[in-house]
């Protein structure tokens, strides 16, 4: 009897499990069908659903907003109140000039040709910044609005960084007051091109010893011109980098060298200073030699001897 009851209870338990499992499977089927239907929406309906979701994310519920939330205000309205159209145009122009100058600087980073190729972009950037920073009584002044209205001062910080980078490059030494390349810079670039052309000509033949002989004159003139410009403070980062690369080619890649003219007087002075102590001690020895003194007998002793001789007689 007990076994029959246990068997019936087991059957009831299995039936309940079967019903519960069927309900769960039907629930998953409905969810999957709903997802499939949602994904099979037309293109317009799907776009509407996406826009509706984005609007709901962009606009939080009123209960979740704090009384100080910026979502309650229109930022475009604040922009119109604070910045005029003229200042917005200047700001847009400044951003374009900054992007142009930074792009030019990065494209001419290696080998360095920043001063030669980017001086016009930097000049345009300076002009826009002067227009922003100057006071205007006729038109609207944008200096306070764009440069001093907040603690961060983005425009001032960006311009000071670019201006400091330009000053560190010493580009003004290679330019004239009219923002054009100076004659000294052009002469150096011509001498540099002559040396590089000579290097390329004999490098292709593979005869490096001939390269050192034939290109010695061009390289010597280039070195003299560089030294003269270094004394006159007319070198910028472009010329310094170009000369360093040329010297590396001449000495390391081609293994060329030539005695410099200034080494001759250096060797002569060094030799003189080396033998100077020997000359000093030798002259001291010769002049310090004393002559032997001759002893002269005193007259009193001679007279006393004569007196003794007279007495003896």
Protein backbone atom coordinates (compact mmCIF):
# COMPACT_ATOMS: atom_id res chain seq x y z
CA UNK A 1 0.00 0.00 0.00
CA UNK A 2 2.81 2.35 0.89
CA UNK A 3 4.58 1.57 -2.36
CA UNK A 4 1.45 2.50 -4.38
CA UNK A 5 1.17 5.84 -2.57
CA UNK A 6 4.84 6.58 -3.19
CA UNK A 7 4.43 5.77 -6.87
CA UNK A 8 1.41 8.07 -7.22
CA UNK A 9 3.22 10.88 -5.42
CA UNK A 10 6.16 10.44 -7.78
CA UNK A 11 3.86 10.68 -10.83
CA UNK A 12 2.27 13.87 -9.50
CA UNK A 13 5.72 15.38 -8.93
CA UNK A 14 6.83 14.58 -12.47
CA UNK A 15 3.65 16.12 -13.91
CA UNK A 16 4.22 19.36 -12.01
CA UNK A 17 7.81 19.54 -13.24
CA UNK A 18 6.63 18.94 -16.81
CA UNK A 19 4.02 21.70 -16.59
CA UNK A 20 6.56 24.16 -15.07
CA UNK A 21 9.11 23.37 -17.78
CA UNK A 22 6.54 23.85 -20.55
CA UNK A 23 5.56 27.25 -19.14
CA UNK A 24 9.17 28.40 -19.08
CA UNK A 25 9.76 27.22 -22.66
CA UNK A 26 6.66 29.07 -23.88
CA UNK A 27 7.91 32.21 -22.13
CA UNK A 28 11.27 32.03 -23.92
CA UNK A 29 9.51 31.48 -27.27
CA UNK A 30 7.41 34.63 -26.77
CA UNK A 31 10.46 36.66 -25.85
CA UNK A 32 12.43 35.42 -28.87
CA UNK A 33 9.49 36.08 -31.19
CA UNK A 34 9.13 39.59 -29.80
CA UNK A 35 12.84 40.23 -30.39
CA UNK A 36 12.59 38.88 -33.91
CA UNK A 37 9.64 41.06 -34.66
CA UNK A 38 11.46 44.07 -33.34
CA UNK A 39 14.50 43.40 -35.46
CA UNK A 40 12.30 42.85 -38.53
CA UNK A 41 10.79 46.33 -38.28
CA UNK A 42 10.87 48.47 -41.39
CA UNK A 43 13.74 50.91 -41.78
CA UNK A 44 11.63 53.97 -40.93
CA UNK A 45 10.15 52.33 -37.83
CA UNK A 46 13.58 51.19 -36.65
CA UNK A 47 14.94 54.71 -37.13
CA UNK A 48 12.01 56.08 -35.16
CA UNK A 49 12.67 53.63 -32.33
CA UNK A 50 16.36 54.58 -32.26
CA UNK A 51 15.60 58.28 -32.17
CA UNK A 52 13.08 57.76 -29.43
CA UNK A 53 15.64 55.88 -27.35
CA UNK A 54 18.24 58.60 -27.89
CA UNK A 55 15.74 61.27 -26.85
CA UNK A 56 14.89 59.37 -23.74
CA UNK A 57 18.59 59.08 -22.86
CA UNK A 58 19.27 62.73 -23.60
CA UNK A 59 16.35 63.96 -21.49
CA UNK A 60 16.35 62.40 -18.04
CA UNK A 61 13.24 62.25 -15.96
CA UNK A 62 12.19 65.36 -14.12
CA UNK A 63 12.38 63.56 -10.80
CA UNK A 64 16.04 62.71 -11.36
CA UNK A 65 17.12 66.30 -12.19
CA UNK A 66 18.65 68.48 -9.54
CA UNK A 67 17.60 72.14 -9.35
CA UNK A 68 21.13 73.07 -10.54
CA UNK A 69 21.26 70.74 -13.55
CA UNK A 70 22.29 72.30 -16.88
CA UNK A 71 19.69 70.14 -18.61
CA UNK A 72 17.00 72.63 -17.65
CA UNK A 73 18.66 75.38 -19.71
CA UNK A 74 19.35 75.80 -23.39
CA UNK A 75 23.10 76.06 -23.96
CA UNK A 76 22.56 77.62 -27.35
CA UNK A 77 20.64 80.43 -25.69
CA UNK A 78 23.52 80.98 -23.27
CA UNK A 79 25.97 81.15 -26.17
CA UNK A 80 23.90 83.82 -27.85
CA UNK A 81 23.81 85.85 -24.66
CA UNK A 82 27.57 85.67 -24.00
CA UNK A 83 29.35 85.56 -27.40
CA UNK A 84 28.50 87.78 -30.31
CA UNK A 85 28.54 86.66 -33.92
CA UNK A 86 31.72 88.61 -34.62
CA UNK A 87 33.53 86.93 -31.72
CA UNK A 88 32.29 83.53 -32.83
CA UNK A 89 33.72 84.15 -36.29
CA UNK A 90 37.07 85.11 -34.78
CA UNK A 91 37.04 82.02 -32.59
CA UNK A 92 36.29 79.83 -35.58
CA UNK A 93 39.07 81.48 -37.58
CA UNK A 94 41.53 81.02 -34.69
CA UNK A 95 40.72 77.31 -34.45
CA UNK A 96 41.27 76.87 -38.20
CA UNK A 97 44.64 78.67 -38.07
CA UNK A 98 45.73 76.58 -35.07
CA UNK A 99 44.89 73.33 -36.83
CA UNK A 100 46.68 74.45 -39.99
CA UNK A 101 49.84 75.46 -38.12
CA UNK A 102 49.97 72.28 -36.01
CA UNK A 103 49.42 70.14 -39.09
CA UNK A 104 52.25 71.92 -40.93
CA UNK A 105 54.57 71.55 -37.94
CA UNK A 106 53.98 67.81 -37.64
CA UNK A 107 54.38 67.22 -41.37
CA UNK A 108 57.77 68.99 -41.31
CA UNK A 109 59.05 67.43 -38.08
CA UNK A 110 61.64 65.12 -39.70
CA UNK A 111 63.74 66.40 -41.28
CA UNK A 112 63.05 69.68 -39.53
CA UNK A 113 61.66 72.24 -41.98
CA UNK A 114 59.31 74.06 -39.62
CA UNK A 115 60.70 77.56 -40.08
CA UNK A 116 61.00 77.25 -43.84
CA UNK A 117 57.56 75.80 -44.58
CA UNK A 118 55.32 76.94 -41.70
CA UNK A 119 56.17 80.60 -41.21
CA UNK A 120 53.15 81.72 -43.24
CA UNK A 121 50.75 79.64 -41.12
CA UNK A 122 52.21 81.05 -37.93
CA UNK A 123 51.95 84.58 -39.29
CA UNK A 124 48.25 84.04 -40.01
CA UNK A 125 47.76 82.67 -36.51
CA UNK A 126 49.39 85.74 -35.00
CA UNK A 127 47.17 88.04 -37.03
CA UNK A 128 43.97 86.36 -35.83
CA UNK A 129 45.13 86.44 -32.23
CA UNK A 130 45.92 90.15 -32.52
CA UNK A 131 42.42 90.76 -33.82
CA UNK A 132 40.99 88.95 -30.81
CA UNK A 133 43.18 90.60 -28.20
CA UNK A 134 42.93 94.19 -29.41
CA UNK A 135 40.29 96.59 -28.11
CA UNK A 136 37.78 98.04 -30.53
CA UNK A 137 35.55 101.02 -29.83
CA UNK A 138 33.58 100.82 -33.07
CA UNK A 139 32.99 97.06 -33.21
CA UNK A 140 32.46 94.61 -30.42
CA UNK A 141 35.59 93.84 -28.36
CA UNK A 142 36.15 90.09 -28.05
CA UNK A 143 39.17 90.23 -25.76
CA UNK A 144 37.28 89.92 -22.48
CA UNK A 145 34.73 87.47 -23.88
CA UNK A 146 37.15 85.00 -25.45
CA UNK A 147 40.35 85.47 -23.45
CA UNK A 148 39.35 86.38 -19.89
CA UNK A 149 35.91 85.00 -19.29
CA UNK A 150 36.95 81.77 -17.53
CA UNK A 151 39.73 80.43 -15.36
CA UNK A 152 41.05 77.93 -17.94
CA UNK A 153 41.64 80.51 -20.72
CA UNK A 154 41.87 77.96 -23.49
CA UNK A 155 42.70 80.37 -26.31
CA UNK A 156 45.46 82.08 -24.34
CA UNK A 157 47.00 78.76 -23.25
CA UNK A 158 47.00 77.32 -26.77
CA UNK A 159 48.50 80.45 -28.29
CA UNK A 160 51.21 80.73 -25.63
CA UNK A 161 52.19 77.11 -26.21
CA UNK A 162 52.47 77.54 -29.99
CA UNK A 163 54.25 80.87 -29.62
CA UNK A 164 56.72 79.37 -27.13
CA UNK A 165 57.40 76.46 -29.46
CA UNK A 166 58.05 78.90 -32.31
CA UNK A 167 60.39 80.94 -30.14
CA UNK A 168 62.28 77.84 -29.01
CA UNK A 169 62.87 76.96 -32.67
CA UNK A 170 64.53 80.38 -33.20
CA UNK A 171 62.70 80.70 -36.50
CA UNK A 172 62.86 84.49 -36.38
CA UNK A 173 66.62 84.28 -37.04
CA UNK A 174 65.99 82.76 -40.46
CA UNK A 175 63.28 85.24 -41.42
CA UNK A 176 63.12 88.93 -42.20
CA UNK A 177 60.87 91.48 -40.58
CA UNK A 178 58.48 91.07 -43.50
CA UNK A 179 58.07 87.36 -42.66
CA UNK A 180 60.10 86.05 -45.58
CA UNK A 181 63.18 83.84 -45.71
CA UNK A 182 66.40 85.81 -45.22
CA UNK A 183 69.26 85.93 -47.73
CA UNK A 184 71.66 84.20 -45.31
CA UNK A 185 69.28 81.30 -45.02
CA UNK A 186 68.93 81.04 -48.79
CA UNK A 187 72.71 81.08 -49.26
CA UNK A 188 73.12 78.33 -46.69
CA UNK A 189 70.45 76.19 -48.33
CA UNK A 190 72.15 76.60 -51.72
CA UNK A 191 75.52 75.54 -50.29
CA UNK A 192 73.82 72.62 -48.55
CA UNK A 193 72.18 71.46 -51.78
CA UNK A 194 75.53 71.59 -53.59
CA UNK A 195 77.15 69.37 -50.96
CA UNK A 196 74.26 66.90 -50.93
CA UNK A 197 74.25 66.71 -54.73
CA UNK A 198 77.97 65.92 -54.68
CA UNK A 199 77.42 63.24 -52.02
CA UNK A 200 74.66 61.62 -54.02
CA UNK A 201 76.65 61.68 -57.25
CA UNK A 202 79.67 59.77 -55.92
CA UNK A 203 77.71 57.58 -53.54
CA UNK A 204 75.93 55.95 -56.44
CA UNK A 205 79.27 54.95 -57.94
CA UNK A 206 80.35 53.38 -54.65
CA UNK A 207 83.73 55.11 -54.61
CA UNK A 208 83.75 56.77 -51.18
CA UNK A 209 87.41 57.76 -51.34
CA UNK A 210 86.69 59.76 -54.49
CA UNK A 211 83.68 61.28 -52.75
CA UNK A 212 85.89 62.56 -49.95
CA UNK A 213 88.27 64.18 -52.44
CA UNK A 214 85.75 65.69 -54.83
CA UNK A 215 83.23 66.92 -52.23
CA UNK A 216 85.79 68.29 -49.81
CA UNK A 217 85.58 71.82 -51.22
CA UNK A 218 81.77 72.01 -51.08
CA UNK A 219 81.68 70.63 -47.56
CA UNK A 220 84.44 72.99 -46.42
CA UNK A 221 82.57 76.04 -47.74
CA UNK A 222 79.39 74.84 -46.07
CA UNK A 223 81.17 74.45 -42.72
CA UNK A 224 82.71 77.92 -42.97
CA UNK A 225 79.33 79.46 -43.78
CA UNK A 226 77.73 77.66 -40.84
CA UNK A 227 80.42 78.88 -38.45
CA UNK A 228 80.00 82.44 -39.66
CA UNK A 229 76.22 82.31 -39.23
CA UNK A 230 76.66 80.81 -35.78
CA UNK A 231 78.76 83.80 -34.75
CA UNK A 232 76.19 86.21 -36.19
CA UNK A 233 73.26 84.44 -34.44
CA UNK A 234 71.42 83.80 -37.71
CA UNK A 235 70.83 80.08 -37.25
CA UNK A 236 67.41 78.50 -36.68
CA UNK A 237 66.42 74.92 -35.97
CA UNK A 238 66.11 74.08 -39.69
CA UNK A 239 69.73 74.97 -40.43
CA UNK A 240 71.06 73.34 -37.26
CA UNK A 241 69.31 70.06 -38.02
CA UNK A 242 70.43 70.11 -41.65
CA UNK A 243 74.07 70.71 -40.66
CA UNK A 244 74.00 67.95 -38.06
CA UNK A 245 72.68 65.47 -40.63
CA UNK A 246 75.31 66.56 -43.16
CA UNK A 247 78.13 66.15 -40.64
CA UNK A 248 76.82 62.71 -39.74
CA UNK A 249 76.89 61.71 -43.40
CA UNK A 250 80.40 63.07 -43.91
CA UNK A 251 82.04 61.51 -40.86
CA UNK A 252 80.08 58.33 -40.09
CA UNK A 253 78.46 57.19 -43.32
CA UNK A 254 81.24 58.20 -45.73
CA UNK A 255 84.11 58.09 -43.20
CA UNK A 256 85.60 61.31 -44.55
CA UNK A 257 87.72 63.81 -42.65
CA UNK A 258 90.03 66.73 -43.35
CA UNK A 259 92.36 68.70 -41.09
CA UNK A 260 90.85 71.93 -39.97
CA UNK A 261 92.89 75.10 -40.37
CA UNK A 262 92.42 76.25 -36.80
CA UNK A 263 94.20 73.13 -35.48
CA UNK A 264 97.62 74.39 -36.71
CA UNK A 265 97.88 77.37 -34.33
CA UNK A 266 96.47 75.24 -31.54
CA UNK A 267 99.24 72.67 -32.00
CA UNK A 268 101.88 75.43 -32.15
CA UNK A 269 100.72 77.06 -28.93
CA UNK A 270 100.46 73.70 -27.18
CA UNK A 271 104.02 72.80 -28.18
CA UNK A 272 105.33 76.14 -26.93
CA UNK A 273 103.58 75.71 -23.58
CA UNK A 274 104.99 72.19 -23.31
CA UNK A 275 108.63 73.28 -23.74
CA UNK A 276 108.24 76.46 -21.71
CA UNK A 277 109.24 74.84 -18.35
CA UNK A 278 112.34 73.28 -19.96
CA UNK A 279 113.42 76.66 -21.33
CA UNK A 280 112.80 78.31 -17.96
CA UNK A 281 114.87 75.84 -15.92
CA UNK A 282 117.67 75.84 -18.49
CA UNK A 283 117.96 79.62 -18.46
CA UNK A 284 117.88 79.64 -14.67
CA UNK A 285 120.74 77.16 -14.54
CA UNK A 286 122.88 79.17 -16.94
CA UNK A 287 122.38 82.48 -15.17
CA UNK A 288 122.84 81.08 -11.68
CA UNK A 289 126.40 79.84 -12.31
CA UNK A 290 128.76 81.79 -9.98
CA UNK A 291 132.31 82.78 -10.78
CA UNK A 292 135.09 81.75 -8.47
CA UNK A 293 136.29 84.55 -6.18
CA UNK A 294 139.99 85.43 -6.02
CA UNK A 295 141.38 85.91 -2.51
CA UNK A 296 143.49 89.09 -2.04
CA UNK A 297 145.78 89.08 1.05
CA UNK A 298 145.31 92.04 3.38
CA UNK A 299 147.98 94.80 3.43
CA UNK A 300 148.44 94.70 7.23
CA UNK A 301 149.63 91.15 7.16
CA UNK A 302 152.23 92.00 4.52
CA UNK A 303 153.61 94.93 6.49
CA UNK A 304 153.92 92.84 9.65
CA UNK A 305 155.97 90.27 7.83
CA UNK A 306 158.35 92.93 6.60
CA UNK A 307 158.76 94.24 10.15
CA UNK A 308 159.68 90.77 11.37
CA UNK A 309 162.28 90.43 8.66
CA UNK A 310 163.89 93.74 9.63
CA UNK A 311 164.07 92.73 13.24
CA UNK A 312 165.76 89.49 12.37
CA UNK A 313 168.49 91.34 10.52
